[in-house]
N, C-alpha and C. Protein backbone atom coordinates (compact mmCIF):
# COMPACT_ATOMS: atom_id res chain seq x y z
N MET A 1 0.90 -1.11 0.20
CA MET A 1 0.08 0.11 0.09
C MET A 1 0.89 1.26 -0.03
N LYS A 2 0.55 2.14 -0.88
CA LYS A 2 1.62 3.44 -0.95
C LYS A 2 0.91 4.32 -0.22
N HIS A 3 1.40 5.13 0.33
CA HIS A 3 1.28 6.50 1.11
C HIS A 3 1.58 7.95 0.49
N HIS A 4 0.38 8.17 0.29
CA HIS A 4 0.59 9.72 -0.26
C HIS A 4 1.13 10.69 0.70
N VAL A 5 2.15 11.55 0.15
CA VAL A 5 2.75 12.45 1.45
C VAL A 5 2.21 13.65 0.32
N LYS A 6 1.44 14.66 1.45
CA LYS A 6 1.25 15.87 0.83
C LYS A 6 2.22 17.02 1.14
N ARG A 7 2.61 17.46 -0.34
CA ARG A 7 3.74 18.45 -0.30
C ARG A 7 3.40 19.71 0.22
N GLU A 8 4.29 20.23 0.81
CA GLU A 8 3.98 21.75 1.32
C GLU A 8 4.41 22.69 -0.05
N ALA A 9 3.08 23.55 -0.14
CA ALA A 9 3.31 24.42 -1.46
C ALA A 9 4.60 25.52 -0.92
N LYS A 10 5.40 25.86 -2.00
CA LYS A 10 6.36 26.79 -1.88
C LYS A 10 5.75 28.12 -1.70
N PRO A 11 6.79 28.76 -0.71
CA PRO A 11 6.17 30.20 -0.55
C PRO A 11 6.02 31.00 -1.94
N HIS A 12 5.11 31.81 -2.05
CA HIS A 12 5.03 32.84 -3.11
C HIS A 12 6.33 33.90 -2.72
N GLY A 13 6.46 34.52 -3.80
CA GLY A 13 7.55 35.72 -3.68
C GLY A 13 8.47 35.83 -4.98
N ARG A 14 9.74 35.54 -4.58
CA ARG A 14 10.70 35.85 -5.65
C ARG A 14 10.44 34.77 -6.52
N VAL A 15 10.60 35.20 -7.74
CA VAL A 15 10.41 34.24 -8.86
C VAL A 15 11.79 33.81 -9.02
N GLY A 16 12.21 32.30 -9.41
CA GLY A 16 13.54 32.15 -9.50
C GLY A 16 13.99 32.20 -11.07
N ALA A 17 15.49 32.67 -11.35
CA ALA A 17 15.86 32.93 -12.36
C ALA A 17 15.23 32.14 -13.81
N ARG A 18 15.38 30.88 -13.74
CA ARG A 18 14.57 30.18 -14.94
C ARG A 18 13.23 30.69 -15.42
N SER A 19 12.44 30.86 -14.09
CA SER A 19 11.17 31.11 -14.65
C SER A 19 11.05 32.53 -15.08
N GLN A 20 12.01 33.44 -14.49
CA GLN A 20 12.19 34.58 -15.27
C GLN A 20 12.33 34.98 -16.26
N ASP A 21 13.42 33.94 -16.96
CA ASP A 21 13.60 33.81 -18.42
C ASP A 21 12.82 33.31 -19.27
N LYS A 22 11.67 32.10 -18.62
CA LYS A 22 10.50 31.70 -19.56
C LYS A 22 9.70 32.82 -19.60
N LEU A 23 9.70 33.67 -18.53
CA LEU A 23 8.56 34.66 -18.88
C LEU A 23 9.04 35.97 -19.89
N ARG A 24 10.17 36.07 -19.51
CA ARG A 24 10.69 37.26 -20.75
C ARG A 24 10.64 36.85 -22.03
N LYS A 25 11.21 35.38 -22.35
CA LYS A 25 11.00 34.65 -23.60
C LYS A 25 9.53 34.65 -23.93
N TRP A 26 8.63 34.30 -23.10
CA TRP A 26 7.07 34.26 -23.58
C TRP A 26 6.51 35.51 -24.10
N SER A 27 6.87 36.54 -23.27
CA SER A 27 6.57 37.95 -23.55
C SER A 27 7.14 38.44 -24.63
N GLY A 28 8.27 38.01 -24.99
CA GLY A 28 9.03 38.81 -26.24
C GLY A 28 8.31 37.91 -27.31
N LYS A 29 8.00 36.57 -27.35
CA LYS A 29 7.48 35.98 -28.21
C LYS A 29 5.79 36.62 -28.54
N VAL A 30 5.08 36.95 -27.44
CA VAL A 30 4.18 37.46 -27.61
C VAL A 30 3.90 38.72 -28.86
N THR A 31 5.19 39.67 -28.18
CA THR A 31 5.45 40.87 -28.89
C THR A 31 5.74 40.67 -30.57
N ARG A 32 6.53 39.54 -30.62
CA ARG A 32 6.87 39.44 -32.17
C ARG A 32 5.88 38.58 -32.91
N THR A 33 5.11 37.52 -32.31
CA THR A 33 4.52 36.78 -32.95
C THR A 33 2.78 36.71 -32.61
N SER A 34 2.37 37.75 -32.30
CA SER A 34 0.93 38.22 -31.75
C SER A 34 -0.05 37.82 -32.66
N ASP A 35 -0.96 37.22 -32.32
CA ASP A 35 -2.11 36.98 -33.35
C ASP A 35 -3.00 38.08 -33.55
N ALA A 36 -2.92 39.36 -32.87
CA ALA A 36 -3.85 40.28 -32.91
C ALA A 36 -3.24 41.19 -33.94
N LEU A 37 -1.79 41.50 -33.75
CA LEU A 37 -1.20 42.56 -35.26
C LEU A 37 0.20 41.95 -35.69
N ASP A 38 0.54 42.36 -36.59
CA ASP A 38 1.91 42.01 -37.43
C ASP A 38 2.66 43.46 -37.06
N LEU A 39 3.44 43.32 -36.03
CA LEU A 39 4.06 44.88 -35.72
C LEU A 39 5.14 44.86 -36.69
N GLU A 40 5.45 46.41 -37.10
CA GLU A 40 6.80 46.64 -37.73
C GLU A 40 8.17 46.12 -36.68
N GLY A 41 9.04 45.63 -37.53
CA GLY A 41 10.08 45.44 -36.58
C GLY A 41 10.66 46.65 -35.80
N GLY A 42 11.03 46.93 -34.61
CA GLY A 42 11.24 47.79 -33.87
C GLY A 42 10.57 48.83 -33.64
N VAL A 43 9.24 48.51 -33.58
CA VAL A 43 8.36 49.54 -33.27
C VAL A 43 8.63 50.28 -31.73
N PHE A 44 9.01 49.49 -30.99
CA PHE A 44 8.95 50.10 -29.38
C PHE A 44 10.39 50.44 -29.09
N LYS A 45 11.50 50.55 -30.27
CA LYS A 45 12.53 51.23 -30.06
C LYS A 45 12.77 52.36 -30.74
N LYS A 46 11.46 52.90 -31.34
CA LYS A 46 11.36 54.26 -32.21
C LYS A 46 11.58 55.46 -30.86
N ARG A 47 12.54 56.36 -31.57
CA ARG A 47 12.82 57.56 -30.22
C ARG A 47 11.11 58.54 -30.16
N SER A 48 10.51 58.61 -31.10
CA SER A 48 9.62 59.39 -31.03
C SER A 48 8.03 58.54 -30.69
N ALA A 49 7.33 59.30 -29.72
CA ALA A 49 5.90 58.59 -29.40
C ALA A 49 4.97 58.95 -30.52
N HIS A 50 5.14 59.97 -31.60
CA HIS A 50 4.46 59.85 -32.73
C HIS A 50 4.51 58.84 -33.51
N ASP A 51 5.79 58.43 -33.77
CA ASP A 51 6.45 57.41 -34.69
C ASP A 51 6.02 56.02 -34.41
N ILE A 52 6.14 55.69 -33.09
CA ILE A 52 5.42 54.55 -32.38
C ILE A 52 3.93 54.45 -32.47
N ALA A 53 3.11 55.85 -32.40
CA ALA A 53 1.64 55.53 -32.28
C ALA A 53 1.37 55.35 -34.08
N LEU A 54 1.76 56.06 -34.68
CA LEU A 54 1.99 55.61 -36.08
C LEU A 54 2.03 54.41 -36.96
N SER A 55 3.22 53.69 -36.24
CA SER A 55 3.50 52.31 -36.74
C SER A 55 2.35 51.50 -36.14
N LEU A 56 1.77 51.64 -34.77
CA LEU A 56 0.85 50.57 -34.28
C LEU A 56 -0.40 50.68 -34.86
N LYS A 57 -0.86 52.07 -35.26
CA LYS A 57 -2.24 52.36 -35.91
C LYS A 57 -1.87 51.78 -37.42
N ARG A 58 -1.07 51.75 -38.21
CA ARG A 58 -0.97 51.00 -39.40
C ARG A 58 -1.05 49.71 -39.12
N SER A 59 -0.20 49.15 -38.26
CA SER A 59 -0.47 47.78 -37.96
C SER A 59 -1.84 47.42 -37.67
N ALA A 60 -2.38 47.88 -36.89
CA ALA A 60 -3.75 47.71 -36.21
C ALA A 60 -4.70 47.81 -37.47
N GLU A 61 -4.66 48.69 -38.12
CA GLU A 61 -5.75 48.87 -39.66
C GLU A 61 -5.56 47.85 -40.35
N ARG A 62 -4.29 47.56 -40.68
CA ARG A 62 -4.13 46.28 -41.43
C ARG A 62 -4.44 45.05 -41.21
N SER A 63 -4.37 45.06 -39.81
CA SER A 63 -4.49 43.23 -39.42
C SER A 63 -5.84 42.93 -39.67
N ARG A 64 -5.77 41.51 -40.38
CA ARG A 64 -7.35 40.97 -40.50
C ARG A 64 -7.60 39.79 -39.34
N ARG A 65 -6.60 39.56 -38.33
CA ARG A 65 -6.79 38.99 -37.45
C ARG A 65 -7.19 39.46 -36.09
N ARG A 66 -7.19 40.65 -35.99
CA ARG A 66 -7.36 41.36 -34.74
C ARG A 66 -9.34 40.98 -34.24
N LYS A 67 -9.33 40.92 -32.63
CA LYS A 67 -10.49 40.70 -32.36
C LYS A 67 -11.25 41.74 -31.86
N SER A 68 -10.79 43.11 -32.30
CA SER A 68 -11.50 44.28 -31.32
C SER A 68 -10.95 45.39 -32.61
N ALA A 69 -11.51 46.51 -32.12
CA ALA A 69 -11.34 47.67 -32.70
C ALA A 69 -9.59 48.07 -32.78
N PRO A 70 -9.40 48.53 -34.21
CA PRO A 70 -7.98 48.91 -34.13
C PRO A 70 -7.39 50.04 -33.10
N LEU A 71 -8.07 50.73 -32.50
CA LEU A 71 -7.27 51.48 -31.20
C LEU A 71 -7.16 50.47 -30.08
N ARG A 72 -8.16 49.61 -29.93
CA ARG A 72 -8.31 48.87 -28.77
C ARG A 72 -6.90 47.97 -29.03
N SER A 73 -6.98 47.34 -29.91
CA SER A 73 -5.83 46.45 -30.49
C SER A 73 -4.55 47.26 -30.49
N ALA A 74 -4.45 48.52 -31.00
CA ALA A 74 -3.23 49.27 -30.77
C ALA A 74 -2.60 49.26 -29.23
N MET A 75 -3.63 49.55 -28.78
CA MET A 75 -3.38 50.41 -26.84
C MET A 75 -3.29 49.13 -26.27
N SER A 76 -3.56 47.96 -26.66
CA SER A 76 -3.44 46.84 -25.84
C SER A 76 -2.19 46.60 -25.93
N MET A 77 -1.61 46.34 -27.57
CA MET A 77 -0.10 46.12 -27.58
C MET A 77 0.95 46.89 -26.92
N LEU A 78 0.50 48.05 -26.75
CA LEU A 78 1.36 49.25 -26.07
C LEU A 78 1.43 49.02 -24.75
N THR A 79 0.22 48.74 -24.26
CA THR A 79 0.43 48.38 -22.86
C THR A 79 1.09 47.20 -22.33
N PHE A 80 0.71 46.21 -22.84
CA PHE A 80 1.43 44.95 -22.95
C PHE A 80 2.69 45.00 -22.88
N TYR A 81 3.56 45.90 -23.96
CA TYR A 81 4.77 45.97 -24.02
C TYR A 81 5.35 46.65 -22.99
N ILE A 82 4.57 48.02 -22.39
CA ILE A 82 5.10 48.64 -20.98
C ILE A 82 5.05 48.01 -19.98
N ASN A 83 3.81 47.11 -19.74
CA ASN A 83 3.92 46.19 -18.55
C ASN A 83 4.84 45.21 -18.29
N ARG A 84 5.03 44.66 -19.73
CA ARG A 84 6.28 43.30 -19.54
C ARG A 84 7.42 44.20 -19.47
N ALA A 85 7.86 44.94 -19.99
CA ALA A 85 9.10 45.49 -20.16
C ALA A 85 9.30 46.30 -18.55
N GLY A 86 8.46 46.58 -18.04
CA GLY A 86 8.62 47.15 -16.65
C GLY A 86 9.91 48.07 -16.26
N LYS A 87 10.28 46.89 -15.46
CA LYS A 87 11.46 47.92 -14.50
C LYS A 87 12.39 47.81 -15.24
N ASP A 88 12.77 47.43 -16.65
CA ASP A 88 13.88 47.37 -17.32
C ASP A 88 13.79 48.76 -18.21
N LEU A 89 12.60 49.26 -18.01
CA LEU A 89 12.51 50.47 -18.91
C LEU A 89 13.24 51.83 -18.37
N SER A 90 13.92 52.73 -18.88
CA SER A 90 14.52 53.86 -18.62
C SER A 90 13.31 54.80 -18.08
N ALA A 91 13.61 55.90 -17.49
CA ALA A 91 12.55 56.62 -17.26
C ALA A 91 11.78 57.50 -18.26
N SER A 92 12.95 57.93 -19.31
CA SER A 92 12.65 58.38 -20.50
C SER A 92 11.94 57.84 -21.38
N ARG A 93 12.43 56.31 -21.46
CA ARG A 93 11.97 55.32 -22.47
C ARG A 93 10.36 55.21 -22.04
N LYS A 94 10.09 55.11 -20.91
CA LYS A 94 8.61 54.91 -20.32
C LYS A 94 8.13 56.20 -20.71
N ARG A 95 8.66 57.30 -20.48
CA ARG A 95 7.66 58.55 -20.71
C ARG A 95 7.26 58.73 -22.33
N THR A 96 8.23 57.94 -23.12
CA THR A 96 8.21 58.04 -24.47
C THR A 96 6.97 57.33 -24.56
N LEU A 97 7.14 55.75 -24.28
CA LEU A 97 5.59 55.00 -24.48
C LEU A 97 4.67 55.50 -23.79
N GLU A 98 4.49 55.99 -22.87
CA GLU A 98 3.22 56.36 -22.10
C GLU A 98 2.57 57.52 -23.07
N ALA A 99 3.54 58.39 -23.82
CA ALA A 99 3.23 59.50 -24.53
C ALA A 99 2.62 59.09 -25.63
N ALA A 100 2.98 57.85 -26.26
CA ALA A 100 2.51 57.24 -27.46
C ALA A 100 1.07 56.86 -27.26
N LYS A 101 0.68 56.55 -26.24
CA LYS A 101 -1.01 56.24 -25.73
C LYS A 101 -1.64 57.45 -26.44
N GLY A 102 -0.94 58.56 -25.95
CA GLY A 102 -1.97 59.80 -26.14
C GLY A 102 -1.84 60.27 -27.46
N GLU A 103 -0.71 59.97 -28.24
CA GLU A 103 -0.67 60.23 -29.46
C GLU A 103 -1.91 59.05 -30.40
N LEU A 104 -1.62 57.64 -29.88
CA LEU A 104 -2.62 56.72 -30.47
C LEU A 104 -4.16 57.59 -30.18
N ARG A 105 -4.48 58.15 -29.23
CA ARG A 105 -5.88 58.49 -28.88
C ARG A 105 -6.18 59.33 -30.01
N ARG A 106 -5.17 60.28 -30.26
CA ARG A 106 -5.33 61.45 -31.04
C ARG A 106 -5.13 61.18 -32.59
N LEU A 107 -4.51 60.01 -32.90
CA LEU A 107 -4.71 59.91 -34.15
C LEU A 107 -6.03 58.90 -34.75
N PHE A 108 -6.37 58.22 -33.72
CA PHE A 108 -7.78 57.79 -34.16
C PHE A 108 -9.06 58.57 -33.83
N ALA A 109 -8.81 59.56 -33.17
CA ALA A 109 -9.92 60.50 -33.13
C ALA A 109 -10.52 61.15 -34.11
């Protein structure tokens, strides 16, 4: 007769290095191969918020696979990138990406 030993759950908190690498790879893959949008290469590396917004707008309007309105799809991808890059973004880079949200709203208005 086998005895089942109940394992204690690992405490939540810090994510191990391997898990972090998987997350980074997963989010990078989503950014590169999203079913919602075919993004222009290096769109999030552009210097100007206006250029980022224009590129996302073009991608969203051309996409036949998106499941919601173009503005919503473009905004979702931008927000996803900002959230996943998180602490690795410099303050100036984050300001530019946040400004791109306003530009997107203006371009779609």
